Amino acid sequence: MSGNSRAPLSVHEEVALLDLQLQALEIIEEIMSGTDPAEAGARASLSLFVDRNPGQPQRALLLHMLSIRRTNLS
């Protein structure tokens, strides 16, 4: 038995997850479609997190936001 085994999601949980993923994808698309040169670094960072988290846009967006927050706090 592996440590990654999880109980199957209920239909309600699956719908909630898909809704969250759709919202994250919409936010990612909005950021990536920007053309402001001052935001090029943020777009590159987000692109990296999306590439590193295939199929998990919500995780990619969260990690990107946390990295931006840490950068702004420094």
PDB file of N, CA and C in Angstrom:
ATOM      1  N   MET A   1       0.841  -1.178   0.000  1.00  0.00           N
ATOM      2  CA  MET A   1       0.000   0.000   0.000  1.00  0.00           C
ATOM      3  C   MET A   1       0.883   1.238   0.000  1.00  0.00           C
ATOM      4  N   SER A   2       0.641   2.159  -0.903  1.00  0.00           N
ATOM      5  CA  SER A   2       1.479   3.352  -1.005  1.00  0.00           C
ATOM      6  C   SER A   2       0.969   4.440  -0.073  1.00  0.00           C
ATOM      7  N   GLY A   3       1.841   5.369   0.274  1.00  0.00           N
ATOM      8  CA  GLY A   3       1.471   6.474   1.144  1.00  0.00           C
ATOM      9  C   GLY A   3       0.630   7.519   0.444  1.00  0.00           C
ATOM     10  N   ASN A   4       0.497   7.435  -0.886  1.00  0.00           N
ATOM     11  CA  ASN A   4      -0.261   8.422  -1.635  1.00  0.00           C
ATOM     12  C   ASN A   4      -1.692   8.005  -1.923  1.00  0.00           C
ATOM     13  N   SER A   5      -2.119   6.856  -1.420  1.00  0.00           N
ATOM     14  CA  SER A   5      -3.477   6.418  -1.733  1.00  0.00           C
ATOM     15  C   SER A   5      -4.474   7.314  -1.022  1.00  0.00           C
ATOM     16  N   ARG A   6      -5.488   7.707  -1.760  1.00  0.00           N
ATOM     17  CA  ARG A   6      -6.517   8.591  -1.239  1.00  0.00           C
ATOM     18  C   ARG A   6      -7.871   7.991  -1.530  1.00  0.00           C
ATOM     19  N   ALA A   7      -8.820   8.334  -0.701  1.00  0.00           N
ATOM     20  CA  ALA A   7     -10.194   7.901  -0.952  1.00  0.00           C
ATOM     21  C   ALA A   7     -10.688   8.627  -2.197  1.00  0.00           C
ATOM     22  N   PRO A   8     -11.498   7.968  -2.996  1.00  0.00           N
ATOM     23  CA  PRO A   8     -12.049   8.634  -4.188  1.00  0.00           C
ATOM     24  C   PRO A   8     -12.859   9.864  -3.788  1.00  0.00           C
ATOM     25  N   LEU A   9     -12.834  10.869  -4.652  1.00  0.00           N
ATOM     26  CA  LEU A   9     -13.603  12.075  -4.392  1.00  0.00           C
ATOM     27  C   LEU A   9     -15.076  11.838  -4.659  1.00  0.00           C
ATOM     28  N   SER A  10     -15.899  12.487  -3.871  1.00  0.00           N
ATOM     29  CA  SER A  10     -17.332  12.442  -4.145  1.00  0.00           C
ATOM     30  C   SER A  10     -17.612  13.318  -5.363  1.00  0.00           C
ATOM     31  N   VAL A  11     -18.770  13.171  -5.937  1.00  0.00           N
ATOM     32  CA  VAL A  11     -19.138  14.002  -7.093  1.00  0.00           C
ATOM     33  C   VAL A  11     -19.095  15.471  -6.703  1.00  0.00           C
ATOM     34  N   HIS A  12     -19.575  15.788  -5.524  1.00  0.00           N
ATOM     35  CA  HIS A  12     -19.561  17.181  -5.048  1.00  0.00           C
ATOM     36  C   HIS A  12     -18.124  17.701  -4.950  1.00  0.00           C
ATOM     37  N   GLU A  13     -17.221  16.887  -4.420  1.00  0.00           N
ATOM     38  CA  GLU A  13     -15.818  17.287  -4.298  1.00  0.00           C
ATOM     39  C   GLU A  13     -15.167  17.449  -5.668  1.00  0.00           C
ATOM     40  N   GLU A  14     -15.490  16.570  -6.594  1.00  0.00           N
ATOM     41  CA  GLU A  14     -14.950  16.682  -7.945  1.00  0.00           C
ATOM     42  C   GLU A  14     -15.412  17.963  -8.625  1.00  0.00           C
ATOM     43  N   VAL A  15     -16.685  18.287  -8.470  1.00  0.00           N
ATOM     44  CA  VAL A  15     -17.222  19.515  -9.067  1.00  0.00           C
ATOM     45  C   VAL A  15     -16.551  20.738  -8.448  1.00  0.00           C
ATOM     46  N   ALA A  16     -16.375  20.723  -7.134  1.00  0.00           N
ATOM     47  CA  ALA A  16     -15.723  21.843  -6.455  1.00  0.00           C
ATOM     48  C   ALA A  16     -14.279  21.995  -6.939  1.00  0.00           C
ATOM     49  N   LEU A  17     -13.577  20.872  -7.107  1.00  0.00           N
ATOM     50  CA  LEU A  17     -12.198  20.919  -7.586  1.00  0.00           C
ATOM     51  C   LEU A  17     -12.136  21.452  -9.012  1.00  0.00           C
ATOM     52  N   LEU A  18     -13.028  20.981  -9.861  1.00  0.00           N
ATOM     53  CA  LEU A  18     -13.054  21.465 -11.237  1.00  0.00           C
ATOM     54  C   LEU A  18     -13.375  22.951 -11.300  1.00  0.00           C
ATOM     55  N   ASP A  19     -14.281  23.406 -10.436  1.00  0.00           N
ATOM     56  CA  ASP A  19     -14.614  24.827 -10.386  1.00  0.00           C
ATOM     57  C   ASP A  19     -13.397  25.645  -9.969  1.00  0.00           C
ATOM     58  N   LEU A  20     -12.671  25.167  -8.967  1.00  0.00           N
ATOM     59  CA  LEU A  20     -11.463  25.848  -8.510  1.00  0.00           C
ATOM     60  C   LEU A  20     -10.412  25.884  -9.619  1.00  0.00           C
ATOM     61  N   GLN A  21     -10.243  24.767 -10.322  1.00  0.00           N
ATOM     62  CA  GLN A  21      -9.273  24.722 -11.407  1.00  0.00           C
ATOM     63  C   GLN A  21      -9.653  25.693 -12.527  1.00  0.00           C
ATOM     64  N   LEU A  22     -10.938  25.769 -12.845  1.00  0.00           N
ATOM     65  CA  LEU A  22     -11.399  26.691 -13.884  1.00  0.00           C
ATOM     66  C   LEU A  22     -11.125  28.137 -13.478  1.00  0.00           C
ATOM     67  N   GLN A  23     -11.409  28.467 -12.238  1.00  0.00           N
ATOM     68  CA  GLN A  23     -11.138  29.828 -11.763  1.00  0.00           C
ATOM     69  C   GLN A  23      -9.651  30.143 -11.829  1.00  0.00           C
ATOM     70  N   ALA A  24      -8.825  29.192 -11.421  1.00  0.00           N
ATOM     71  CA  ALA A  24      -7.378  29.400 -11.470  1.00  0.00           C
ATOM     72  C   ALA A  24      -6.909  29.577 -12.910  1.00  0.00           C
ATOM     73  N   LEU A  25      -7.438  28.777 -13.818  1.00  0.00           N
ATOM     74  CA  LEU A  25      -7.070  28.905 -15.230  1.00  0.00           C
ATOM     75  C   LEU A  25      -7.457  30.268 -15.784  1.00  0.00           C
ATOM     76  N   GLU A  26      -8.617  30.769 -15.393  1.00  0.00           N
ATOM     77  CA  GLU A  26      -9.049  32.091 -15.860  1.00  0.00           C
ATOM     78  C   GLU A  26      -8.119  33.183 -15.350  1.00  0.00           C
ATOM     79  N   ILE A  27      -7.702  33.092 -14.094  1.00  0.00           N
ATOM     80  CA  ILE A  27      -6.775  34.074 -13.531  1.00  0.00           C
ATOM     81  C   ILE A  27      -5.424  33.980 -14.225  1.00  0.00           C
ATOM     82  N   ILE A  28      -4.944  32.758 -14.432  1.00  0.00           N
ATOM     83  CA  ILE A  28      -3.659  32.560 -15.115  1.00  0.00           C
ATOM     84  C   ILE A  28      -3.711  33.146 -16.520  1.00  0.00           C
ATOM     85  N   GLU A  29      -4.787  32.883 -17.242  1.00  0.00           N
ATOM     86  CA  GLU A  29      -4.937  33.412 -18.604  1.00  0.00           C
ATOM     87  C   GLU A  29      -4.925  34.942 -18.590  1.00  0.00           C
ATOM     88  N   GLU A  30      -5.597  35.520 -17.628  1.00  0.00           N
ATOM     89  CA  GLU A  30      -5.635  36.990 -17.526  1.00  0.00           C
ATOM     90  C   GLU A  30      -4.231  37.548 -17.300  1.00  0.00           C
ATOM     91  N   ILE A  31      -3.488  36.940 -16.395  1.00  0.00           N
ATOM     92  CA  ILE A  31      -2.127  37.408 -16.111  1.00  0.00           C
ATOM     93  C   ILE A  31      -1.230  37.214 -17.330  1.00  0.00           C
ATOM     94  N   MET A  32      -1.311  36.029 -17.945  1.00  0.00           N
ATOM     95  CA  MET A  32      -0.420  35.717 -19.062  1.00  0.00           C
ATOM     96  C   MET A  32      -0.735  36.534 -20.315  1.00  0.00           C
ATOM     97  N   SER A  33      -1.942  37.053 -20.423  1.00  0.00           N
ATOM     98  CA  SER A  33      -2.293  37.836 -21.606  1.00  0.00           C
ATOM     99  C   SER A  33      -1.881  39.298 -21.470  1.00  0.00           C
ATOM    100  N   GLY A  34      -1.353  39.665 -20.320  1.00  0.00           N
ATOM    101  CA  GLY A  34      -0.907  41.041 -20.117  1.00  0.00           C
ATOM    102  C   GLY A  34       0.276  41.381 -21.010  1.00  0.00           C
ATOM    103  N   THR A  35       0.428  42.654 -21.278  1.00  0.00           N
ATOM    104  CA  THR A  35       1.524  43.103 -22.154  1.00  0.00           C
ATOM    105  C   THR A  35       2.418  44.151 -21.501  1.00  0.00           C
ATOM    106  N   ASP A  36       2.139  44.503 -20.256  1.00  0.00           N
ATOM    107  CA  ASP A  36       2.934  45.511 -19.566  1.00  0.00           C
ATOM    108  C   ASP A  36       4.348  44.968 -19.339  1.00  0.00           C
ATOM    109  N   PRO A  37       5.355  45.645 -19.881  1.00  0.00           N
ATOM    110  CA  PRO A  37       6.733  45.168 -19.701  1.00  0.00           C
ATOM    111  C   PRO A  37       7.135  45.068 -18.224  1.00  0.00           C
ATOM    112  N   ALA A  38       6.549  45.898 -17.376  1.00  0.00           N
ATOM    113  CA  ALA A  38       6.887  45.862 -15.949  1.00  0.00           C
ATOM    114  C   ALA A  38       6.414  44.575 -15.286  1.00  0.00           C
ATOM    115  N   GLU A  39       5.474  43.872 -15.918  1.00  0.00           N
ATOM    116  CA  GLU A  39       4.943  42.633 -15.364  1.00  0.00           C
ATOM    117  C   GLU A  39       5.524  41.387 -16.031  1.00  0.00           C
ATOM    118  N   ALA A  40       6.527  41.566 -16.868  1.00  0.00           N
ATOM    119  CA  ALA A  40       7.127  40.432 -17.587  1.00  0.00           C
ATOM    120  C   ALA A  40       7.717  39.410 -16.616  1.00  0.00           C
ATOM    121  N   GLY A  41       8.332  39.875 -15.540  1.00  0.00           N
ATOM    122  CA  GLY A  41       8.905  38.960 -14.550  1.00  0.00           C
ATOM    123  C   GLY A  41       7.839  38.117 -13.869  1.00  0.00           C
ATOM    124  N   ALA A  42       6.710  38.749 -13.561  1.00  0.00           N
ATOM    125  CA  ALA A  42       5.600  38.013 -12.934  1.00  0.00           C
ATOM    126  C   ALA A  42       5.050  36.974 -13.900  1.00  0.00           C
ATOM    127  N   ARG A  43       4.938  37.315 -15.180  1.00  0.00           N
ATOM    128  CA  ARG A  43       4.445  36.347 -16.169  1.00  0.00           C
ATOM    129  C   ARG A  43       5.419  35.183 -16.317  1.00  0.00           C
ATOM    130  N   ALA A  44       6.709  35.473 -16.303  1.00  0.00           N
ATOM    131  CA  ALA A  44       7.712  34.407 -16.421  1.00  0.00           C
ATOM    132  C   ALA A  44       7.658  33.485 -15.195  1.00  0.00           C
ATOM    133  N   SER A  45       7.500  34.075 -14.024  1.00  0.00           N
ATOM    134  CA  SER A  45       7.396  33.284 -12.795  1.00  0.00           C
ATOM    135  C   SER A  45       6.172  32.393 -12.836  1.00  0.00           C
ATOM    136  N   LEU A  46       5.037  32.958 -13.208  1.00  0.00           N
ATOM    137  CA  LEU A  46       3.808  32.175 -13.276  1.00  0.00           C
ATOM    138  C   LEU A  46       3.944  31.052 -14.298  1.00  0.00           C
ATOM    139  N   SER A  47       4.532  31.336 -15.427  1.00  0.00           N
ATOM    140  CA  SER A  47       4.730  30.317 -16.456  1.00  0.00           C
ATOM    141  C   SER A  47       5.564  29.153 -15.928  1.00  0.00           C
ATOM    142  N   LEU A  48       6.581  29.465 -15.153  1.00  0.00           N
ATOM    143  CA  LEU A  48       7.431  28.430 -14.566  1.00  0.00           C
ATOM    144  C   LEU A  48       6.622  27.541 -13.619  1.00  0.00           C
ATOM    145  N   PHE A  49       5.801  28.154 -12.772  1.00  0.00           N
ATOM    146  CA  PHE A  49       5.003  27.375 -11.836  1.00  0.00           C
ATOM    147  C   PHE A  49       3.949  26.537 -12.570  1.00  0.00           C
ATOM    148  N   VAL A  50       3.385  27.059 -13.637  1.00  0.00           N
ATOM    149  CA  VAL A  50       2.416  26.287 -14.428  1.00  0.00           C
ATOM    150  C   VAL A  50       3.111  25.077 -15.044  1.00  0.00           C
ATOM    151  N   ASP A  51       4.311  25.291 -15.589  1.00  0.00           N
ATOM    152  CA  ASP A  51       5.063  24.180 -16.191  1.00  0.00           C
ATOM    153  C   ASP A  51       5.425  23.111 -15.165  1.00  0.00           C
ATOM    154  N   ARG A  52       5.715  23.527 -13.948  1.00  0.00           N
ATOM    155  CA  ARG A  52       6.131  22.591 -12.896  1.00  0.00           C
ATOM    156  C   ARG A  52       4.946  21.867 -12.238  1.00  0.00           C
ATOM    157  N   ASN A  53       3.735  22.330 -12.500  1.00  0.00           N
ATOM    158  CA  ASN A  53       2.543  21.751 -11.865  1.00  0.00           C
ATOM    159  C   ASN A  53       1.477  21.432 -12.903  1.00  0.00           C
ATOM    160  N   PRO A  54       1.797  20.551 -13.856  1.00  0.00           N
ATOM    161  CA  PRO A  54       0.826  20.244 -14.911  1.00  0.00           C
ATOM    162  C   PRO A  54      -0.464  19.656 -14.343  1.00  0.00           C
ATOM    163  N   GLY A  55      -1.572  20.143 -14.848  1.00  0.00           N
ATOM    164  CA  GLY A  55      -2.869  19.643 -14.403  1.00  0.00           C
ATOM    165  C   GLY A  55      -3.312  20.174 -13.054  1.00  0.00           C
ATOM    166  N   GLN A  56      -2.534  21.072 -12.468  1.00  0.00           N
ATOM    167  CA  GLN A  56      -2.864  21.641 -11.160  1.00  0.00           C
ATOM    168  C   GLN A  56      -2.737  23.167 -11.205  1.00  0.00           C
ATOM    169  N   PRO A  57      -3.576  23.820 -11.975  1.00  0.00           N
ATOM    170  CA  PRO A  57      -3.446  25.278 -12.096  1.00  0.00           C
ATOM    171  C   PRO A  57      -3.632  26.001 -10.771  1.00  0.00           C
ATOM    172  N   GLN A  58      -4.476  25.464  -9.887  1.00  0.00           N
ATOM    173  CA  GLN A  58      -4.693  26.106  -8.596  1.00  0.00           C
ATOM    174  C   GLN A  58      -3.415  26.082  -7.767  1.00  0.00           C
ATOM    175  N   ARG A  59      -2.667  24.994  -7.837  1.00  0.00           N
ATOM    176  CA  ARG A  59      -1.400  24.894  -7.103  1.00  0.00           C
ATOM    177  C   ARG A  59      -0.362  25.837  -7.714  1.00  0.00           C
ATOM    178  N   ALA A  60      -0.302  25.869  -9.037  1.00  0.00           N
ATOM    179  CA  ALA A  60       0.648  26.752  -9.717  1.00  0.00           C
ATOM    180  C   ALA A  60       0.382  28.214  -9.358  1.00  0.00           C
ATOM    181  N   LEU A  61      -0.877  28.611  -9.361  1.00  0.00           N
ATOM    182  CA  LEU A  61      -1.232  29.988  -9.038  1.00  0.00           C
ATOM    183  C   LEU A  61      -0.907  30.308  -7.583  1.00  0.00           C
ATOM    184  N   LEU A  62      -1.219  29.390  -6.682  1.00  0.00           N
ATOM    185  CA  LEU A  62      -0.913  29.607  -5.268  1.00  0.00           C
ATOM    186  C   LEU A  62       0.587  29.762  -5.050  1.00  0.00           C
ATOM    187  N   LEU A  63       1.382  28.873  -5.621  1.00  0.00           N
ATOM    188  CA  LEU A  63       2.833  28.955  -5.447  1.00  0.00           C
ATOM    189  C   LEU A  63       3.380  30.250  -6.043  1.00  0.00           C
ATOM    190  N   HIS A  64       2.849  30.654  -7.174  1.00  0.00           N
ATOM    191  CA  HIS A  64       3.266  31.920  -7.789  1.00  0.00           C
ATOM    192  C   HIS A  64       2.949  33.092  -6.854  1.00  0.00           C
ATOM    193  N   MET A  65       1.726  33.106  -6.333  1.00  0.00           N
ATOM    194  CA  MET A  65       1.325  34.201  -5.451  1.00  0.00           C
ATOM    195  C   MET A  65       2.176  34.241  -4.188  1.00  0.00           C
ATOM    196  N   LEU A  66       2.494  33.081  -3.641  1.00  0.00           N
ATOM    197  CA  LEU A  66       3.359  33.039  -2.460  1.00  0.00           C
ATOM    198  C   LEU A  66       4.760  33.544  -2.777  1.00  0.00           C
ATOM    199  N   SER A  67       5.273  33.211  -3.961  1.00  0.00           N
ATOM    200  CA  SER A  67       6.616  33.676  -4.325  1.00  0.00           C
ATOM    201  C   SER A  67       6.635  35.188  -4.534  1.00  0.00           C
ATOM    202  N   ILE A  68       5.566  35.723  -5.111  1.00  0.00           N
ATOM    203  CA  ILE A  68       5.472  37.170  -5.307  1.00  0.00           C
ATOM    204  C   ILE A  68       5.384  37.871  -3.951  1.00  0.00           C
ATOM    205  N   ARG A  69       4.597  37.293  -3.055  1.00  0.00           N
ATOM    206  CA  ARG A  69       4.447  37.873  -1.715  1.00  0.00           C
ATOM    207  C   ARG A  69       5.791  37.917  -0.995  1.00  0.00           C
ATOM    208  N   ARG A  70       6.539  36.806  -1.067  1.00  0.00           N
ATOM    209  CA  ARG A  70       7.859  36.771  -0.417  1.00  0.00           C
ATOM    210  C   ARG A  70       8.778  37.815  -1.023  1.00  0.00           C
ATOM    211  N   THR A  71       8.735  37.970  -2.335  1.00  0.00           N
ATOM    212  CA  THR A  71       9.576  38.963  -3.013  1.00  0.00           C
ATOM    213  C   THR A  71       9.212  40.369  -2.560  1.00  0.00           C
ATOM    214  N   ASN A  72       7.922  40.640  -2.439  1.00  0.00           N
ATOM    215  CA  ASN A  72       7.473  41.972  -2.032  1.00  0.00           C
ATOM    216  C   ASN A  72       7.754  42.265  -0.562  1.00  0.00           C
ATOM    217  N   LEU A  73       7.849  41.219   0.276  1.00  0.00           N
ATOM    218  CA  LEU A  73       8.141  41.421   1.699  1.00  0.00           C
ATOM    219  C   LEU A  73       9.622  41.668   1.945  1.00  0.00           C
ATOM    220  N   SER A  74      10.461  41.278   0.997  1.00  0.00           N
ATOM    221  CA  SER A  74      11.918  41.420   1.181  1.00  0.00           C
ATOM    222  C   SER A  74      12.361  42.860   1.065  1.00  0.00           C
TER     223      SER A  74
END
